[in-house]
Amino acid sequence: MKNWLLAARLKTLPAAISPVILGSALAYHDGILSIMISFMTLLAALLIQIGTNFANDVFDFQKGTDRDDRLGPVRVTQSGLISPRKMKRSMWFIFIQAICVGFYLAFIGGWPIVIIGLASIAAGIFYTWGPYPLGYHGWGDVFVFIFFGLIAVSGTYYLQTNTISNLSIMLGIIMGMLSTAILVVNNLRDADTDKVSGKRTLAVQLGKKFSKIQYSILMLTPFLLLLYIWWHSKNEWSLLITMFALPKSLHLINQIFSLTDSDLNFVLSQTARFLFIFTVLLSTGLII
């Protein structure tokens, strides 16, 4: 069980949980919320995230990206804790479970949800597999921004309300930025080993300084967007409770410029935690 929990990468799961929480909070703010739909949406998001993590674990190993000199947390396939065959079977099992949950969501939301669900699973697989893996050609940032931000928040809101609002898109942009920040730290930490193994992330293509500036922008812009939302939301002062997360954001930006190599593992986990804290504060502001 410990090995499977390592493969699931629990510290990355806030990226799957947070958009569902925020989309549901927005639906409640607009007077519509089904706890059952929220639960099933959350379950589907978690299953897709875990399935994607399993896929990354085995396919990165097979491509030679996960090496003995990697700086990140233990990867179970590369470490020999779980065989590639078992990991692939488990990956497909998890994705099948996500599809089963998706039947209920498709019944609620129709064909748009079917397309979103299948596209999310396909993206999770082709992120590290296939003749043109997205994560190996610098498309990982775009993938995360779209699927963990725009689609996740607006899709959750659509399931609750059967519509998409401008605010749901705006909140999706915010979630997309913060989720992408997690990936940026990961790629910054692995830039040297990724370059050797041929994984051309943006950190490899454009350099570490670019990634640090990118991280700073991703961590600060959501606060500017939040102020814009507040200004155009009939002065809903409760939204400004989210500004309490700004000092943590500034602290993490300072660390991204001062820490290197394996020390960035701490920044990675703290960025994921920051995403969840930001989500809870903003969701609370929407609810009250």
C-alpha atoms as a PDB file:
ATOM      1  CA  MET A   1       0.000   0.000   0.000  1.00  0.00           C
ATOM      2  CA  LYS A   2       2.858   2.383   0.769  1.00  0.00           C
ATOM      3  CA  ASN A   3       4.266   1.872  -2.725  1.00  0.00           C
ATOM      4  CA  TRP A   4       0.894   2.561  -4.362  1.00  0.00           C
ATOM      5  CA  LEU A   5       0.477   5.719  -2.287  1.00  0.00           C
ATOM      6  CA  LEU A   6       3.899   6.838  -3.499  1.00  0.00           C
ATOM      7  CA  ALA A   7       2.802   6.183  -7.085  1.00  0.00           C
ATOM      8  CA  ALA A   8      -0.413   8.169  -6.532  1.00  0.00           C
ATOM      9  CA  ARG A   9       1.695  11.223  -5.544  1.00  0.00           C
ATOM     10  CA  LEU A  10      -0.651  12.462  -2.849  1.00  0.00           C
ATOM     11  CA  LYS A  11       1.001  15.887  -2.696  1.00  0.00           C
ATOM     12  CA  THR A  12      -0.127  16.588  -6.271  1.00  0.00           C
ATOM     13  CA  LEU A  13      -3.785  15.818  -5.619  1.00  0.00           C
ATOM     14  CA  PRO A  14      -4.715  19.374  -4.511  1.00  0.00           C
ATOM     15  CA  ALA A  15      -4.420  20.264  -8.206  1.00  0.00           C
ATOM     16  CA  ALA A  16      -7.340  17.903  -8.874  1.00  0.00           C
ATOM     17  CA  ILE A  17      -9.360  18.708  -5.760  1.00  0.00           C
ATOM     18  CA  SER A  18      -9.124  22.511  -5.754  1.00  0.00           C
ATOM     19  CA  PRO A  19     -10.895  23.280  -9.077  1.00  0.00           C
ATOM     20  CA  VAL A  20     -13.851  21.095  -8.094  1.00  0.00           C
ATOM     21  CA  ILE A  21     -14.152  22.826  -4.730  1.00  0.00           C
ATOM     22  CA  LEU A  22     -13.995  26.242  -6.348  1.00  0.00           C
ATOM     23  CA  GLY A  23     -16.457  25.395  -9.147  1.00  0.00           C
ATOM     24  CA  SER A  24     -18.898  23.995  -6.596  1.00  0.00           C
ATOM     25  CA  ALA A  25     -18.499  27.065  -4.368  1.00  0.00           C
ATOM     26  CA  LEU A  26     -19.296  29.303  -7.316  1.00  0.00           C
ATOM     27  CA  ALA A  27     -22.409  27.252  -8.075  1.00  0.00           C
ATOM     28  CA  TYR A  28     -23.496  27.653  -4.447  1.00  0.00           C
ATOM     29  CA  HIS A  29     -22.815  31.380  -4.725  1.00  0.00           C
ATOM     30  CA  ASP A  30     -25.196  31.443  -7.694  1.00  0.00           C
ATOM     31  CA  GLY A  31     -27.883  29.534  -5.782  1.00  0.00           C
ATOM     32  CA  ILE A  32     -27.428  26.013  -7.212  1.00  0.00           C
ATOM     33  CA  LEU A  33     -25.500  23.140  -5.623  1.00  0.00           C
ATOM     34  CA  SER A  34     -25.873  19.359  -5.639  1.00  0.00           C
ATOM     35  CA  ILE A  35     -23.658  17.597  -3.102  1.00  0.00           C
ATOM     36  CA  MET A  36     -23.942  14.338  -5.066  1.00  0.00           C
ATOM     37  CA  ILE A  37     -22.764  15.941  -8.300  1.00  0.00           C
ATOM     38  CA  SER A  38     -19.890  17.628  -6.464  1.00  0.00           C
ATOM     39  CA  PHE A  39     -18.842  14.336  -4.881  1.00  0.00           C
ATOM     40  CA  MET A  40     -18.920  12.436  -8.163  1.00  0.00           C
ATOM     41  CA  THR A  41     -17.051  15.240  -9.940  1.00  0.00           C
ATOM     42  CA  LEU A  42     -14.399  15.184  -7.227  1.00  0.00           C
ATOM     43  CA  LEU A  43     -14.098  11.397  -7.475  1.00  0.00           C
ATOM     44  CA  ALA A  44     -13.689  11.533 -11.250  1.00  0.00           C
ATOM     45  CA  ALA A  45     -11.059  14.279 -10.972  1.00  0.00           C
ATOM     46  CA  LEU A  46      -9.070  12.305  -8.394  1.00  0.00           C
ATOM     47  CA  LEU A  47      -9.195   9.117 -10.446  1.00  0.00           C
ATOM     48  CA  ILE A  48      -7.994  10.914 -13.582  1.00  0.00           C
ATOM     49  CA  GLN A  49      -5.194  12.587 -11.628  1.00  0.00           C
ATOM     50  CA  ILE A  50      -4.052   9.320 -10.055  1.00  0.00           C
ATOM     51  CA  GLY A  51      -4.276   7.504 -13.396  1.00  0.00           C
ATOM     52  CA  THR A  52      -2.165  10.250 -14.960  1.00  0.00           C
ATOM     53  CA  ASN A  53       0.407   9.941 -12.171  1.00  0.00           C
ATOM     54  CA  PHE A  54       0.587   6.171 -12.735  1.00  0.00           C
ATOM     55  CA  ALA A  55       1.065   6.788 -16.467  1.00  0.00           C
ATOM     56  CA  ASN A  56       3.830   9.316 -15.828  1.00  0.00           C
ATOM     57  CA  ASP A  57       5.569   6.936 -13.440  1.00  0.00           C
ATOM     58  CA  VAL A  58       5.801   4.024 -15.864  1.00  0.00           C
ATOM     59  CA  PHE A  59       6.275   5.918 -19.137  1.00  0.00           C
ATOM     60  CA  ASP A  60       8.950   8.264 -17.735  1.00  0.00           C
ATOM     61  CA  PHE A  61      10.812   5.154 -16.583  1.00  0.00           C
ATOM     62  CA  GLN A  62      10.524   3.465 -19.961  1.00  0.00           C
ATOM     63  CA  LYS A  63      11.755   6.596 -21.736  1.00  0.00           C
ATOM     64  CA  GLY A  64      14.744   6.817 -19.415  1.00  0.00           C
ATOM     65  CA  THR A  65      13.712  10.132 -17.879  1.00  0.00           C
ATOM     66  CA  ASP A  66      13.507   8.782 -14.320  1.00  0.00           C
ATOM     67  CA  ARG A  67      17.154   8.013 -13.632  1.00  0.00           C
ATOM     68  CA  ASP A  68      19.115   7.093 -10.528  1.00  0.00           C
ATOM     69  CA  ASP A  69      20.373  10.681 -10.262  1.00  0.00           C
ATOM     70  CA  ARG A  70      16.901  12.291 -10.226  1.00  0.00           C
ATOM     71  CA  LEU A  71      16.334  14.905  -7.513  1.00  0.00           C
ATOM     72  CA  GLY A  72      12.618  14.422  -6.965  1.00  0.00           C
ATOM     73  CA  PRO A  73      10.702  12.013  -4.736  1.00  0.00           C
ATOM     74  CA  VAL A  74      10.915   8.249  -5.250  1.00  0.00           C
ATOM     75  CA  ARG A  75       9.353   6.912  -8.455  1.00  0.00           C
ATOM     76  CA  VAL A  76       8.138   3.397  -7.807  1.00  0.00           C
ATOM     77  CA  THR A  77       8.688   1.937 -11.277  1.00  0.00           C
ATOM     78  CA  GLN A  78      12.203   3.337 -11.589  1.00  0.00           C
ATOM     79  CA  SER A  79      13.001   2.121  -8.062  1.00  0.00           C
ATOM     80  CA  GLY A  80      11.761  -1.406  -8.787  1.00  0.00           C
ATOM     81  CA  LEU A  81       9.045  -1.222  -6.139  1.00  0.00           C
ATOM     82  CA  ILE A  82       6.299  -1.922  -8.708  1.00  0.00           C
ATOM     83  CA  SER A  83       6.870  -3.597 -12.060  1.00  0.00           C
ATOM     84  CA  PRO A  84       6.049  -1.724 -15.289  1.00  0.00           C
ATOM     85  CA  ARG A  85       3.452  -4.376 -16.148  1.00  0.00           C
ATOM     86  CA  LYS A  86       1.615  -3.921 -12.837  1.00  0.00           C
ATOM     87  CA  MET A  87       1.787  -0.151 -13.118  1.00  0.00           C
ATOM     88  CA  LYS A  88       0.284  -0.173 -16.612  1.00  0.00           C
ATOM     89  CA  ARG A  89      -2.512  -2.530 -15.546  1.00  0.00           C
ATOM     90  CA  SER A  90      -3.272  -0.319 -12.559  1.00  0.00           C
ATOM     91  CA  MET A  91      -3.226   2.779 -14.755  1.00  0.00           C
ATOM     92  CA  TRP A  92      -5.867   1.304 -17.062  1.00  0.00           C
ATOM     93  CA  PHE A  93      -7.896   0.080 -14.072  1.00  0.00           C
ATOM     94  CA  ILE A  94      -7.963   3.585 -12.561  1.00  0.00           C
ATOM     95  CA  PHE A  95      -8.938   5.175 -15.869  1.00  0.00           C
ATOM     96  CA  ILE A  96     -11.733   2.614 -16.323  1.00  0.00           C
ATOM     97  CA  GLN A  97     -13.020   3.542 -12.869  1.00  0.00           C
ATOM     98  CA  ALA A  98     -12.968   7.195 -13.926  1.00  0.00           C
ATOM     99  CA  ILE A  99     -15.018   6.304 -17.008  1.00  0.00           C
ATOM    100  CA  CYS A 100     -17.536   4.446 -14.832  1.00  0.00           C
ATOM    101  CA  VAL A 101     -17.960   7.535 -12.654  1.00  0.00           C
ATOM    102  CA  GLY A 102     -18.158   9.534 -15.853  1.00  0.00           C
ATOM    103  CA  PHE A 103     -21.305   7.676 -16.921  1.00  0.00           C
ATOM    104  CA  TYR A 104     -23.166   9.393 -14.085  1.00  0.00           C
ATOM    105  CA  LEU A 105     -21.661  12.782 -14.903  1.00  0.00           C
ATOM    106  CA  ALA A 106     -22.443  12.327 -18.599  1.00  0.00           C
ATOM    107  CA  PHE A 107     -26.053  11.592 -17.683  1.00  0.00           C
ATOM    108  CA  ILE A 108     -26.122  14.928 -15.852  1.00  0.00           C
ATOM    109  CA  GLY A 109     -24.130  17.064 -18.277  1.00  0.00           C
ATOM    110  CA  GLY A 110     -24.535  15.344 -21.642  1.00  0.00           C
ATOM    111  CA  TRP A 111     -22.056  15.184 -24.517  1.00  0.00           C
ATOM    112  CA  PRO A 112     -19.892  18.136 -23.406  1.00  0.00           C
ATOM    113  CA  ILE A 113     -18.970  16.185 -20.277  1.00  0.00           C
ATOM    114  CA  VAL A 114     -18.268  13.033 -22.323  1.00  0.00           C
ATOM    115  CA  ILE A 115     -15.863  14.994 -24.510  1.00  0.00           C
ATOM    116  CA  ILE A 116     -14.189  16.653 -21.506  1.00  0.00           C
ATOM    117  CA  GLY A 117     -13.783  13.345 -19.676  1.00  0.00           C
ATOM    118  CA  LEU A 118     -12.323  11.435 -22.613  1.00  0.00           C
ATOM    119  CA  ALA A 119     -10.051  14.349 -23.533  1.00  0.00           C
ATOM    120  CA  SER A 120      -8.781  14.523 -19.944  1.00  0.00           C
ATOM    121  CA  ILE A 121      -7.944  10.816 -19.893  1.00  0.00           C
ATOM    122  CA  ALA A 122      -6.306  10.988 -23.313  1.00  0.00           C
ATOM    123  CA  ALA A 123      -4.229  13.992 -22.250  1.00  0.00           C
ATOM    124  CA  GLY A 124      -3.180  12.166 -19.075  1.00  0.00           C
ATOM    125  CA  ILE A 125      -1.883   9.238 -21.128  1.00  0.00           C
ATOM    126  CA  PHE A 126      -0.294  11.170 -23.971  1.00  0.00           C
ATOM    127  CA  TYR A 127       1.384  13.568 -21.561  1.00  0.00           C
ATOM    128  CA  THR A 128       4.284  11.107 -21.307  1.00  0.00           C
ATOM    129  CA  TRP A 129       3.436   8.379 -23.861  1.00  0.00           C
ATOM    130  CA  GLY A 130       3.232   8.093 -27.600  1.00  0.00           C
ATOM    131  CA  PRO A 131       5.301   9.388 -30.520  1.00  0.00           C
ATOM    132  CA  TYR A 132       4.844  13.002 -29.387  1.00  0.00           C
ATOM    133  CA  PRO A 133       4.448  13.095 -25.583  1.00  0.00           C
ATOM    134  CA  LEU A 134       3.186  16.521 -24.601  1.00  0.00           C
ATOM    135  CA  GLY A 135       5.331  16.847 -21.505  1.00  0.00           C
ATOM    136  CA  TYR A 136       8.504  16.149 -23.488  1.00  0.00           C
ATOM    137  CA  HIS A 137       7.970  18.988 -25.944  1.00  0.00           C
ATOM    138  CA  GLY A 138       7.161  21.917 -23.678  1.00  0.00           C
ATOM    139  CA  TRP A 139       3.379  21.550 -23.803  1.00  0.00           C
ATOM    140  CA  GLY A 140       3.013  20.482 -20.193  1.00  0.00           C
ATOM    141  CA  ASP A 141       2.322  24.016 -18.977  1.00  0.00           C
ATOM    142  CA  VAL A 142      -0.483  24.475 -21.503  1.00  0.00           C
ATOM    143  CA  PHE A 143      -1.911  21.050 -20.658  1.00  0.00           C
ATOM    144  CA  VAL A 144      -2.053  21.805 -16.930  1.00  0.00           C
ATOM    145  CA  PHE A 145      -3.462  25.305 -17.424  1.00  0.00           C
ATOM    146  CA  ILE A 146      -6.303  24.038 -19.616  1.00  0.00           C
ATOM    147  CA  PHE A 147      -7.250  20.799 -17.874  1.00  0.00           C
ATOM    148  CA  PHE A 148      -6.580  21.754 -14.237  1.00  0.00           C
ATOM    149  CA  GLY A 149      -7.906  25.262 -14.636  1.00  0.00           C
ATOM    150  CA  LEU A 150     -10.251  26.296 -17.419  1.00  0.00           C
ATOM    151  CA  ILE A 151     -11.875  22.909 -17.985  1.00  0.00           C
ATOM    152  CA  ALA A 152     -11.898  21.734 -14.367  1.00  0.00           C
ATOM    153  CA  VAL A 153     -13.565  24.823 -12.858  1.00  0.00           C
ATOM    154  CA  SER A 154     -15.961  25.664 -15.686  1.00  0.00           C
ATOM    155  CA  GLY A 155     -16.759  21.964 -16.185  1.00  0.00           C
ATOM    156  CA  THR A 156     -17.649  21.585 -12.507  1.00  0.00           C
ATOM    157  CA  TYR A 157     -19.780  24.708 -12.665  1.00  0.00           C
ATOM    158  CA  TYR A 158     -21.473  23.467 -15.859  1.00  0.00           C
ATOM    159  CA  LEU A 159     -22.425  20.170 -14.200  1.00  0.00           C
ATOM    160  CA  GLN A 160     -24.113  22.100 -11.398  1.00  0.00           C
ATOM    161  CA  THR A 161     -25.842  24.821 -13.437  1.00  0.00           C
ATOM    162  CA  ASN A 162     -25.935  23.552 -17.033  1.00  0.00           C
ATOM    163  CA  THR A 163     -24.230  26.761 -18.143  1.00  0.00           C
ATOM    164  CA  ILE A 164     -20.832  28.460 -18.127  1.00  0.00           C
ATOM    165  CA  SER A 165     -20.437  31.969 -16.738  1.00  0.00           C
ATOM    166  CA  ASN A 166     -17.730  34.535 -17.315  1.00  0.00           C
ATOM    167  CA  LEU A 167     -16.794  34.258 -13.661  1.00  0.00           C
ATOM    168  CA  SER A 168     -16.348  30.476 -13.926  1.00  0.00           C
ATOM    169  CA  ILE A 169     -13.899  31.047 -16.781  1.00  0.00           C
ATOM    170  CA  MET A 170     -12.061  33.722 -14.800  1.00  0.00           C
ATOM    171  CA  LEU A 171     -11.756  31.425 -11.793  1.00  0.00           C
ATOM    172  CA  GLY A 172     -10.599  28.683 -14.133  1.00  0.00           C
ATOM    173  CA  ILE A 173      -7.793  30.959 -15.313  1.00  0.00           C
ATOM    174  CA  ILE A 174      -6.767  31.555 -11.691  1.00  0.00           C
ATOM    175  CA  MET A 175      -6.748  27.828 -10.888  1.00  0.00           C
ATOM    176  CA  GLY A 176      -4.884  27.101 -14.103  1.00  0.00           C
ATOM    177  CA  MET A 177      -2.126  29.535 -13.187  1.00  0.00           C
ATOM    178  CA  LEU A 178      -1.623  28.169  -9.690  1.00  0.00           C
ATOM    179  CA  SER A 179      -1.695  24.550 -10.894  1.00  0.00           C
ATOM    180  CA  THR A 180       0.848  25.379 -13.590  1.00  0.00           C
ATOM    181  CA  ALA A 181       3.081  26.905 -10.916  1.00  0.00           C
ATOM    182  CA  ILE A 182       3.366  23.442  -9.352  1.00  0.00           C
ATOM    183  CA  LEU A 183       4.582  22.011 -12.652  1.00  0.00           C
ATOM    184  CA  VAL A 184       7.045  24.879 -13.116  1.00  0.00           C
ATOM    185  CA  VAL A 185       8.762  24.042  -9.811  1.00  0.00           C
ATOM    186  CA  ASN A 186       8.920  20.374 -10.801  1.00  0.00           C
ATOM    187  CA  ASN A 187      10.463  21.191 -14.182  1.00  0.00           C
ATOM    188  CA  LEU A 188      12.873  23.716 -12.690  1.00  0.00           C
ATOM    189  CA  ARG A 189      14.169  21.115 -10.238  1.00  0.00           C
ATOM    190  CA  ASP A 190      14.596  18.492 -12.980  1.00  0.00           C
ATOM    191  CA  ALA A 191      15.944  20.809 -15.707  1.00  0.00           C
ATOM    192  CA  ASP A 192      19.486  19.395 -15.712  1.00  0.00           C
ATOM    193  CA  THR A 193      18.486  15.727 -15.758  1.00  0.00           C
ATOM    194  CA  ASP A 194      15.647  16.379 -18.223  1.00  0.00           C
ATOM    195  CA  LYS A 195      18.115  17.979 -20.615  1.00  0.00           C
ATOM    196  CA  VAL A 196      20.299  14.874 -20.528  1.00  0.00           C
ATOM    197  CA  SER A 197      17.351  12.519 -21.074  1.00  0.00           C
ATOM    198  CA  GLY A 198      15.856  14.590 -23.914  1.00  0.00           C
ATOM    199  CA  LYS A 199      12.797  15.900 -22.095  1.00  0.00           C
ATOM    200  CA  ARG A 200      12.451  19.438 -23.503  1.00  0.00           C
ATOM    201  CA  THR A 201      10.319  21.230 -20.924  1.00  0.00           C
ATOM    202  CA  LEU A 202      10.167  25.017 -20.958  1.00  0.00           C
ATOM    203  CA  ALA A 203      12.767  25.026 -18.185  1.00  0.00           C
ATOM    204  CA  VAL A 204      15.112  23.173 -20.558  1.00  0.00           C
ATOM    205  CA  GLN A 205      14.245  25.184 -23.662  1.00  0.00           C
ATOM    206  CA  LEU A 206      14.148  28.672 -22.152  1.00  0.00           C
ATOM    207  CA  GLY A 207      16.314  28.285 -19.072  1.00  0.00           C
ATOM    208  CA  LYS A 208      15.971  28.297 -15.311  1.00  0.00           C
ATOM    209  CA  LYS A 209      15.754  32.084 -15.027  1.00  0.00           C
ATOM    210  CA  PHE A 210      12.721  32.046 -17.305  1.00  0.00           C
ATOM    211  CA  SER A 211      11.065  29.403 -15.118  1.00  0.00           C
ATOM    212  CA  LYS A 212      11.646  31.460 -11.977  1.00  0.00           C
ATOM    213  CA  ILE A 213      10.100  34.542 -13.593  1.00  0.00           C
ATOM    214  CA  GLN A 214       7.254  32.404 -14.945  1.00  0.00           C
ATOM    215  CA  TYR A 215       6.614  31.018 -11.452  1.00  0.00           C
ATOM    216  CA  SER A 216       6.511  34.540 -10.004  1.00  0.00           C
ATOM    217  CA  ILE A 217       3.968  35.672 -12.588  1.00  0.00           C
ATOM    218  CA  LEU A 218       1.819  32.592 -12.040  1.00  0.00           C
ATOM    219  CA  MET A 219       1.818  33.108  -8.280  1.00  0.00           C
ATOM    220  CA  LEU A 220       1.038  36.847  -8.330  1.00  0.00           C
ATOM    221  CA  THR A 221      -1.359  37.335 -11.261  1.00  0.00           C
ATOM    222  CA  PRO A 222      -4.219  35.446  -9.540  1.00  0.00           C
ATOM    223  CA  PHE A 223      -4.299  38.149  -6.864  1.00  0.00           C
ATOM    224  CA  LEU A 224      -4.603  40.854  -9.527  1.00  0.00           C
ATOM    225  CA  LEU A 225      -7.412  38.918 -11.203  1.00  0.00           C
ATOM    226  CA  LEU A 226      -9.071  38.526  -7.823  1.00  0.00           C
ATOM    227  CA  LEU A 227      -9.034  42.296  -7.334  1.00  0.00           C
ATOM    228  CA  TYR A 228     -10.549  42.699 -10.795  1.00  0.00           C
ATOM    229  CA  ILE A 229     -13.313  40.219  -9.906  1.00  0.00           C
ATOM    230  CA  TRP A 230     -13.965  42.007  -6.631  1.00  0.00           C
ATOM    231  CA  TRP A 231     -14.146  45.398  -8.355  1.00  0.00           C
ATOM    232  CA  HIS A 232     -16.772  44.107 -10.795  1.00  0.00           C
ATOM    233  CA  SER A 233     -18.762  42.018  -8.311  1.00  0.00           C
ATOM    234  CA  LYS A 234     -20.771  44.739  -6.605  1.00  0.00           C
ATOM    235  CA  ASN A 235     -18.146  45.093  -3.879  1.00  0.00           C
ATOM    236  CA  GLU A 236     -18.402  41.593  -2.397  1.00  0.00           C
ATOM    237  CA  TRP A 237     -15.838  42.249   0.305  1.00  0.00           C
ATOM    238  CA  SER A 238     -15.760  38.617   1.390  1.00  0.00           C
ATOM    239  CA  LEU A 239     -13.722  37.756  -1.708  1.00  0.00           C
ATOM    240  CA  LEU A 240     -10.814  39.767  -0.346  1.00  0.00           C
ATOM    241  CA  ILE A 241     -10.290  37.171   2.384  1.00  0.00           C
ATOM    242  CA  THR A 242      -8.138  35.426  -0.219  1.00  0.00           C
ATOM    243  CA  MET A 243      -5.562  38.238   0.045  1.00  0.00           C
ATOM    244  CA  PHE A 244      -4.425  36.666   3.314  1.00  0.00           C
ATOM    245  CA  ALA A 245      -2.602  34.119   1.129  1.00  0.00           C
ATOM    246  CA  LEU A 246      -0.443  36.828  -0.518  1.00  0.00           C
ATOM    247  CA  PRO A 247       2.399  36.741   2.063  1.00  0.00           C
ATOM    248  CA  LYS A 248       2.769  32.983   1.513  1.00  0.00           C
ATOM    249  CA  SER A 249       2.930  33.574  -2.225  1.00  0.00           C
ATOM    250  CA  LEU A 250       5.698  36.159  -1.808  1.00  0.00           C
ATOM    251  CA  HIS A 251       7.592  33.815   0.498  1.00  0.00           C
ATOM    252  CA  LEU A 252       7.480  30.996  -2.074  1.00  0.00           C
ATOM    253  CA  ILE A 253       8.642  33.350  -4.829  1.00  0.00           C
ATOM    254  CA  ASN A 254      11.623  34.285  -2.657  1.00  0.00           C
ATOM    255  CA  GLN A 255      12.416  30.611  -2.165  1.00  0.00           C
ATOM    256  CA  ILE A 256      12.192  29.782  -5.869  1.00  0.00           C
ATOM    257  CA  PHE A 257      15.017  32.278  -6.443  1.00  0.00           C
ATOM    258  CA  SER A 258      17.133  31.176  -3.473  1.00  0.00           C
ATOM    259  CA  LEU A 259      16.804  27.368  -3.397  1.00  0.00           C
ATOM    260  CA  THR A 260      18.173  24.859  -5.894  1.00  0.00           C
ATOM    261  CA  ASP A 261      18.209  21.148  -6.746  1.00  0.00           C
ATOM    262  CA  SER A 262      16.514  18.810  -4.226  1.00  0.00           C
ATOM    263  CA  ASP A 263      15.693  21.745  -1.909  1.00  0.00           C
ATOM    264  CA  LEU A 264      13.016  22.655  -4.459  1.00  0.00           C
ATOM    265  CA  ASN A 265      11.060  19.583  -3.346  1.00  0.00           C
ATOM    266  CA  PHE A 266       9.977  21.640  -0.353  1.00  0.00           C
ATOM    267  CA  VAL A 267       8.864  24.510  -2.612  1.00  0.00           C
ATOM    268  CA  LEU A 268       6.966  21.998  -4.737  1.00  0.00           C
ATOM    269  CA  SER A 269       4.978  20.598  -1.825  1.00  0.00           C
ATOM    270  CA  GLN A 270       4.397  24.079  -0.388  1.00  0.00           C
ATOM    271  CA  THR A 271       3.115  25.361  -3.743  1.00  0.00           C
ATOM    272  CA  ALA A 272       0.582  22.529  -3.866  1.00  0.00           C
ATOM    273  CA  ARG A 273      -0.439  23.383  -0.302  1.00  0.00           C
ATOM    274  CA  PHE A 274      -0.681  27.061  -1.236  1.00  0.00           C
ATOM    275  CA  LEU A 275      -3.027  26.181  -4.103  1.00  0.00           C
ATOM    276  CA  PHE A 276      -5.350  24.408  -1.685  1.00  0.00           C
ATOM    277  CA  ILE A 277      -5.227  27.215   0.892  1.00  0.00           C
ATOM    278  CA  PHE A 278      -5.951  29.814  -1.793  1.00  0.00           C
ATOM    279  CA  THR A 279      -8.877  27.695  -3.001  1.00  0.00           C
ATOM    280  CA  VAL A 280     -10.356  27.328   0.478  1.00  0.00           C
ATOM    281  CA  LEU A 281     -10.117  31.067   1.124  1.00  0.00           C
ATOM    282  CA  LEU A 282     -11.628  32.049  -2.226  1.00  0.00           C
ATOM    283  CA  SER A 283     -14.366  29.426  -1.909  1.00  0.00           C
ATOM    284  CA  THR A 284     -15.177  30.698   1.568  1.00  0.00           C
ATOM    285  CA  GLY A 285     -15.417  34.227   0.177  1.00  0.00           C
ATOM    286  CA  LEU A 286     -17.867  33.037  -2.483  1.00  0.00           C
ATOM    287  CA  ILE A 287     -20.000  31.125  -0.020  1.00  0.00           C
ATOM    288  CA  ILE A 288     -20.330  33.841   2.621  1.00  0.00           C
END
